[in-house]
Amino acid sequence: MKKVRQGFTLIELMIVVAIIGILAAIAIPKFADLINKSKEGATKGALSSVRSALQVYYGDNEGWFPTDDFAGSLLLNAKYINEIPMAKLPTTGHADSKVVMTFSSASVSGVFDPGTTGTGVVENPLGTGGGGWAYFNDPTVSAIWGTFVANCVHEDIKGQSLTGNQATWSTF
């Protein structure tokens, strides 16, 4: 009787391992990109939530946005929003943050021109791009008073950066 061997040869196993390696090399970057897209989507949703809370506050206060304590005004008794959400800005180098930086005409000269740098004017009209959130609380500059944006001047996941009068992160 002839003895029949069962199993795989070394060559067959090496081919299977090579195919799995190729598939993994293709799938891992796609997966990492999906994680960054989900973080960006979470930031868009969070931005929308805070802007909605701001609009309700605006309606309740007869056409006035918060001017002093932004977070305190919106979080008071959780009437407008329960907490400031996390700003997740993937691929920008900024850590996830709940910090809201407020800007007034003293910190931004009132010039709504992100392309200009120099004395008193920052690259992004609502901040220096340090991550987290930015809120413009000065009613004397009505063009951007009450504006709430992600505080980032870097490119987004699609590679878009400053467009028109606002950073791409600000146009969610």
C-alpha atoms as a PDB file:
ATOM      1  CA  MET A   1       0.000   0.000   0.000  1.00  0.00           C
ATOM      2  CA  LYS A   2       1.014   3.450  -0.865  1.00  0.00           C
ATOM      3  CA  LYS A   3       1.197   5.934   1.968  1.00  0.00           C
ATOM      4  CA  VAL A   4      -0.648   9.215   1.136  1.00  0.00           C
ATOM      5  CA  ARG A   5       0.745  12.354   2.707  1.00  0.00           C
ATOM      6  CA  GLN A   6      -1.649  14.953   3.938  1.00  0.00           C
ATOM      7  CA  GLY A   7      -0.844  18.619   4.592  1.00  0.00           C
ATOM      8  CA  PHE A   8       0.654  21.586   2.820  1.00  0.00           C
ATOM      9  CA  THR A   9       4.087  21.983   1.408  1.00  0.00           C
ATOM     10  CA  LEU A  10       6.393  24.743   2.571  1.00  0.00           C
ATOM     11  CA  ILE A  11       5.996  26.563  -0.762  1.00  0.00           C
ATOM     12  CA  GLU A  12       2.204  26.573  -0.458  1.00  0.00           C
ATOM     13  CA  LEU A  13       2.381  27.990   3.058  1.00  0.00           C
ATOM     14  CA  MET A  14       4.837  30.695   1.971  1.00  0.00           C
ATOM     15  CA  ILE A  15       2.551  31.731  -0.899  1.00  0.00           C
ATOM     16  CA  VAL A  16      -0.432  32.012   1.452  1.00  0.00           C
ATOM     17  CA  VAL A  17       1.594  34.081   3.946  1.00  0.00           C
ATOM     18  CA  ALA A  18       2.802  36.354   1.117  1.00  0.00           C
ATOM     19  CA  ILE A  19      -0.778  36.903  -0.101  1.00  0.00           C
ATOM     20  CA  ILE A  20      -1.961  37.722   3.433  1.00  0.00           C
ATOM     21  CA  GLY A  21       0.953  40.176   3.802  1.00  0.00           C
ATOM     22  CA  ILE A  22       0.035  41.940   0.555  1.00  0.00           C
ATOM     23  CA  LEU A  23      -3.615  42.224   1.606  1.00  0.00           C
ATOM     24  CA  ALA A  24      -2.590  43.593   5.011  1.00  0.00           C
ATOM     25  CA  ALA A  25      -0.297  46.141   3.381  1.00  0.00           C
ATOM     26  CA  ILE A  26      -3.246  47.398   1.358  1.00  0.00           C
ATOM     27  CA  ALA A  27      -5.848  47.288   4.165  1.00  0.00           C
ATOM     28  CA  ILE A  28      -3.945  48.911   7.046  1.00  0.00           C
ATOM     29  CA  PRO A  29      -3.523  52.377   5.439  1.00  0.00           C
ATOM     30  CA  LYS A  30      -7.178  52.332   4.380  1.00  0.00           C
ATOM     31  CA  PHE A  31      -8.188  51.490   7.942  1.00  0.00           C
ATOM     32  CA  ALA A  32      -6.032  54.286   9.383  1.00  0.00           C
ATOM     33  CA  ASP A  33      -7.660  56.723   6.946  1.00  0.00           C
ATOM     34  CA  LEU A  34     -11.116  55.588   8.091  1.00  0.00           C
ATOM     35  CA  ILE A  35     -10.187  56.310  11.713  1.00  0.00           C
ATOM     36  CA  ASN A  36      -9.114  59.859  10.779  1.00  0.00           C
ATOM     37  CA  LYS A  37     -12.293  60.373   8.764  1.00  0.00           C
ATOM     38  CA  SER A  38     -14.386  59.257  11.735  1.00  0.00           C
ATOM     39  CA  LYS A  39     -12.560  61.722  14.021  1.00  0.00           C
ATOM     40  CA  GLU A  40     -13.192  64.507  11.532  1.00  0.00           C
ATOM     41  CA  GLY A  41     -16.849  63.489  11.353  1.00  0.00           C
ATOM     42  CA  ALA A  42     -17.080  63.554  15.142  1.00  0.00           C
ATOM     43  CA  THR A  43     -15.668  67.091  15.125  1.00  0.00           C
ATOM     44  CA  LYS A  44     -18.209  68.166  12.513  1.00  0.00           C
ATOM     45  CA  GLY A  45     -21.038  66.741  14.603  1.00  0.00           C
ATOM     46  CA  ALA A  46     -19.729  68.365  17.778  1.00  0.00           C
ATOM     47  CA  LEU A  47     -19.374  71.705  16.008  1.00  0.00           C
ATOM     48  CA  SER A  48     -22.953  71.443  14.801  1.00  0.00           C
ATOM     49  CA  SER A  49     -24.190  70.682  18.328  1.00  0.00           C
ATOM     50  CA  VAL A  50     -22.457  73.695  19.860  1.00  0.00           C
ATOM     51  CA  ARG A  51     -23.624  75.979  17.050  1.00  0.00           C
ATOM     52  CA  SER A  52     -27.199  74.775  17.628  1.00  0.00           C
ATOM     53  CA  ALA A  53     -26.856  75.508  21.349  1.00  0.00           C
ATOM     54  CA  LEU A  54     -25.522  78.971  20.478  1.00  0.00           C
ATOM     55  CA  GLN A  55     -28.538  79.647  18.256  1.00  0.00           C
ATOM     56  CA  VAL A  56     -30.943  78.624  21.029  1.00  0.00           C
ATOM     57  CA  TYR A  57     -29.023  80.878  23.453  1.00  0.00           C
ATOM     58  CA  TYR A  58     -29.229  83.693  20.876  1.00  0.00           C
ATOM     59  CA  GLY A  59     -32.997  83.247  20.603  1.00  0.00           C
ATOM     60  CA  ASP A  60     -33.506  83.094  24.375  1.00  0.00           C
ATOM     61  CA  ASN A  61     -31.441  86.235  24.955  1.00  0.00           C
ATOM     62  CA  GLU A  62     -33.086  88.489  22.394  1.00  0.00           C
ATOM     63  CA  GLY A  63     -30.333  88.518  19.798  1.00  0.00           C
ATOM     64  CA  TRP A  64     -27.255  88.347  22.028  1.00  0.00           C
ATOM     65  CA  PHE A  65     -24.536  85.718  21.898  1.00  0.00           C
ATOM     66  CA  PRO A  66     -22.484  85.002  25.037  1.00  0.00           C
ATOM     67  CA  THR A  67     -19.956  87.792  25.497  1.00  0.00           C
ATOM     68  CA  ASP A  68     -18.125  86.963  28.721  1.00  0.00           C
ATOM     69  CA  ASP A  69     -18.051  83.365  29.897  1.00  0.00           C
ATOM     70  CA  PHE A  70     -18.837  81.280  26.803  1.00  0.00           C
ATOM     71  CA  ALA A  71     -18.802  77.852  28.454  1.00  0.00           C
ATOM     72  CA  GLY A  72     -20.522  79.068  31.613  1.00  0.00           C
ATOM     73  CA  SER A  73     -23.326  80.675  29.639  1.00  0.00           C
ATOM     74  CA  LEU A  74     -24.062  77.588  27.563  1.00  0.00           C
ATOM     75  CA  LEU A  75     -23.516  75.030  30.318  1.00  0.00           C
ATOM     76  CA  LEU A  76     -25.573  76.801  33.009  1.00  0.00           C
ATOM     77  CA  ASN A  77     -27.971  74.133  34.357  1.00  0.00           C
ATOM     78  CA  ALA A  78     -27.346  72.193  31.109  1.00  0.00           C
ATOM     79  CA  LYS A  79     -30.047  74.325  29.485  1.00  0.00           C
ATOM     80  CA  TYR A  80     -28.292  74.668  26.129  1.00  0.00           C
ATOM     81  CA  ILE A  81     -25.682  71.901  26.108  1.00  0.00           C
ATOM     82  CA  ASN A  82     -24.459  69.399  28.715  1.00  0.00           C
ATOM     83  CA  GLU A  83     -20.743  69.772  28.058  1.00  0.00           C
ATOM     84  CA  ILE A  84     -18.331  71.217  25.543  1.00  0.00           C
ATOM     85  CA  PRO A  85     -17.519  68.356  23.155  1.00  0.00           C
ATOM     86  CA  MET A  86     -14.046  67.168  22.242  1.00  0.00           C
ATOM     87  CA  ALA A  87     -12.420  68.745  19.180  1.00  0.00           C
ATOM     88  CA  LYS A  88     -10.633  65.952  17.326  1.00  0.00           C
ATOM     89  CA  LEU A  89      -8.389  67.355  14.600  1.00  0.00           C
ATOM     90  CA  PRO A  90      -6.673  64.373  12.955  1.00  0.00           C
ATOM     91  CA  THR A  91      -3.503  64.785  10.872  1.00  0.00           C
ATOM     92  CA  THR A  92      -2.908  68.306  12.248  1.00  0.00           C
ATOM     93  CA  GLY A  93      -0.645  67.547  15.173  1.00  0.00           C
ATOM     94  CA  HIS A  94      -3.137  68.967  17.686  1.00  0.00           C
ATOM     95  CA  ALA A  95      -4.197  66.844  20.623  1.00  0.00           C
ATOM     96  CA  ASP A  96      -7.892  66.255  21.206  1.00  0.00           C
ATOM     97  CA  SER A  97      -9.154  69.120  23.336  1.00  0.00           C
ATOM     98  CA  LYS A  98     -12.288  70.629  24.864  1.00  0.00           C
ATOM     99  CA  VAL A  99     -10.634  74.018  25.369  1.00  0.00           C
ATOM    100  CA  VAL A 100     -12.575  77.010  24.015  1.00  0.00           C
ATOM    101  CA  MET A 101     -10.383  80.024  23.300  1.00  0.00           C
ATOM    102  CA  THR A 102     -12.355  83.248  23.167  1.00  0.00           C
ATOM    103  CA  PHE A 103     -11.263  86.132  20.995  1.00  0.00           C
ATOM    104  CA  SER A 104     -12.299  89.773  21.030  1.00  0.00           C
ATOM    105  CA  SER A 105     -11.339  92.861  19.045  1.00  0.00           C
ATOM    106  CA  ALA A 106      -8.413  93.298  21.447  1.00  0.00           C
ATOM    107  CA  SER A 107      -6.909  89.962  20.406  1.00  0.00           C
ATOM    108  CA  VAL A 108      -7.975  90.142  16.750  1.00  0.00           C
ATOM    109  CA  SER A 109      -7.843  93.539  15.124  1.00  0.00           C
ATOM    110  CA  GLY A 110     -11.229  93.086  13.462  1.00  0.00           C
ATOM    111  CA  VAL A 111      -9.721  92.383  10.065  1.00  0.00           C
ATOM    112  CA  PHE A 112     -11.360  89.257   8.712  1.00  0.00           C
ATOM    113  CA  ASP A 113      -8.461  88.285   6.444  1.00  0.00           C
ATOM    114  CA  PRO A 114      -6.796  84.952   7.174  1.00  0.00           C
ATOM    115  CA  GLY A 115      -4.065  85.526   4.604  1.00  0.00           C
ATOM    116  CA  THR A 116      -2.631  88.560   6.364  1.00  0.00           C
ATOM    117  CA  THR A 117      -0.048  88.282   9.095  1.00  0.00           C
ATOM    118  CA  GLY A 118       1.548  91.095  10.996  1.00  0.00           C
ATOM    119  CA  THR A 119       0.889  93.346  13.930  1.00  0.00           C
ATOM    120  CA  GLY A 120      -2.424  92.628  15.581  1.00  0.00           C
ATOM    121  CA  VAL A 121      -3.716  90.340  12.834  1.00  0.00           C
ATOM    122  CA  VAL A 122      -3.487  86.593  13.140  1.00  0.00           C
ATOM    123  CA  GLU A 123      -3.525  84.134  10.244  1.00  0.00           C
ATOM    124  CA  ASN A 124      -6.901  82.716  11.237  1.00  0.00           C
ATOM    125  CA  PRO A 125      -9.364  85.440  12.273  1.00  0.00           C
ATOM    126  CA  LEU A 126     -10.530  83.334  15.201  1.00  0.00           C
ATOM    127  CA  GLY A 127      -7.281  82.092  16.596  1.00  0.00           C
ATOM    128  CA  THR A 128      -3.773  80.946  16.118  1.00  0.00           C
ATOM    129  CA  GLY A 129      -4.664  77.405  15.244  1.00  0.00           C
ATOM    130  CA  GLY A 130      -3.677  75.865  18.559  1.00  0.00           C
ATOM    131  CA  GLY A 131      -6.339  73.144  18.532  1.00  0.00           C
ATOM    132  CA  GLY A 132      -9.571  72.888  20.461  1.00  0.00           C
ATOM    133  CA  TRP A 133     -12.305  75.417  19.714  1.00  0.00           C
ATOM    134  CA  ALA A 134     -12.372  79.150  19.045  1.00  0.00           C
ATOM    135  CA  TYR A 135     -15.217  81.561  19.786  1.00  0.00           C
ATOM    136  CA  PHE A 136     -15.441  85.228  18.820  1.00  0.00           C
ATOM    137  CA  ASN A 137     -17.270  87.040  21.633  1.00  0.00           C
ATOM    138  CA  ASP A 138     -17.066  90.723  20.652  1.00  0.00           C
ATOM    139  CA  PRO A 139     -20.382  92.285  19.540  1.00  0.00           C
ATOM    140  CA  THR A 140     -18.563  95.346  18.129  1.00  0.00           C
ATOM    141  CA  VAL A 141     -17.401  93.259  15.146  1.00  0.00           C
ATOM    142  CA  SER A 142     -20.751  92.009  13.928  1.00  0.00           C
ATOM    143  CA  ALA A 143     -19.364  90.130  10.910  1.00  0.00           C
ATOM    144  CA  ILE A 144     -17.912  87.385  13.090  1.00  0.00           C
ATOM    145  CA  TRP A 145     -19.547  87.943  16.496  1.00  0.00           C
ATOM    146  CA  GLY A 146     -20.894  84.655  17.866  1.00  0.00           C
ATOM    147  CA  THR A 147     -18.852  82.553  15.441  1.00  0.00           C
ATOM    148  CA  PHE A 148     -17.747  79.193  16.818  1.00  0.00           C
ATOM    149  CA  VAL A 149     -15.158  77.160  14.904  1.00  0.00           C
ATOM    150  CA  ALA A 150     -12.495  74.518  15.270  1.00  0.00           C
ATOM    151  CA  ASN A 151      -9.314  76.390  16.178  1.00  0.00           C
ATOM    152  CA  CYS A 152      -7.046  75.012  13.458  1.00  0.00           C
ATOM    153  CA  VAL A 153      -5.382  76.491  10.375  1.00  0.00           C
ATOM    154  CA  HIS A 154      -3.954  73.187   9.105  1.00  0.00           C
ATOM    155  CA  GLU A 155      -5.239  71.179   6.167  1.00  0.00           C
ATOM    156  CA  ASP A 156      -8.160  68.867   6.780  1.00  0.00           C
ATOM    157  CA  ILE A 157      -8.189  65.171   5.818  1.00  0.00           C
ATOM    158  CA  LYS A 158      -8.918  66.039   2.188  1.00  0.00           C
ATOM    159  CA  GLY A 159      -5.849  68.264   1.992  1.00  0.00           C
ATOM    160  CA  GLN A 160      -7.802  71.533   1.897  1.00  0.00           C
ATOM    161  CA  SER A 161      -6.561  74.501   3.885  1.00  0.00           C
ATOM    162  CA  LEU A 162      -7.493  78.182   3.963  1.00  0.00           C
ATOM    163  CA  THR A 163     -10.307  79.012   1.560  1.00  0.00           C
ATOM    164  CA  GLY A 164     -11.862  82.415   1.121  1.00  0.00           C
ATOM    165  CA  ASN A 165     -12.250  84.133   4.465  1.00  0.00           C
ATOM    166  CA  GLN A 166     -12.107  81.074   6.688  1.00  0.00           C
ATOM    167  CA  ALA A 167      -9.973  78.040   7.379  1.00  0.00           C
ATOM    168  CA  THR A 168     -11.487  74.823   6.042  1.00  0.00           C
ATOM    169  CA  TRP A 169     -11.888  73.503   9.581  1.00  0.00           C
ATOM    170  CA  SER A 170     -14.068  76.554  10.230  1.00  0.00           C
ATOM    171  CA  THR A 171     -16.486  75.807   7.401  1.00  0.00           C
ATOM    172  CA  PHE A 172     -18.037  72.639   8.846  1.00  0.00           C
END
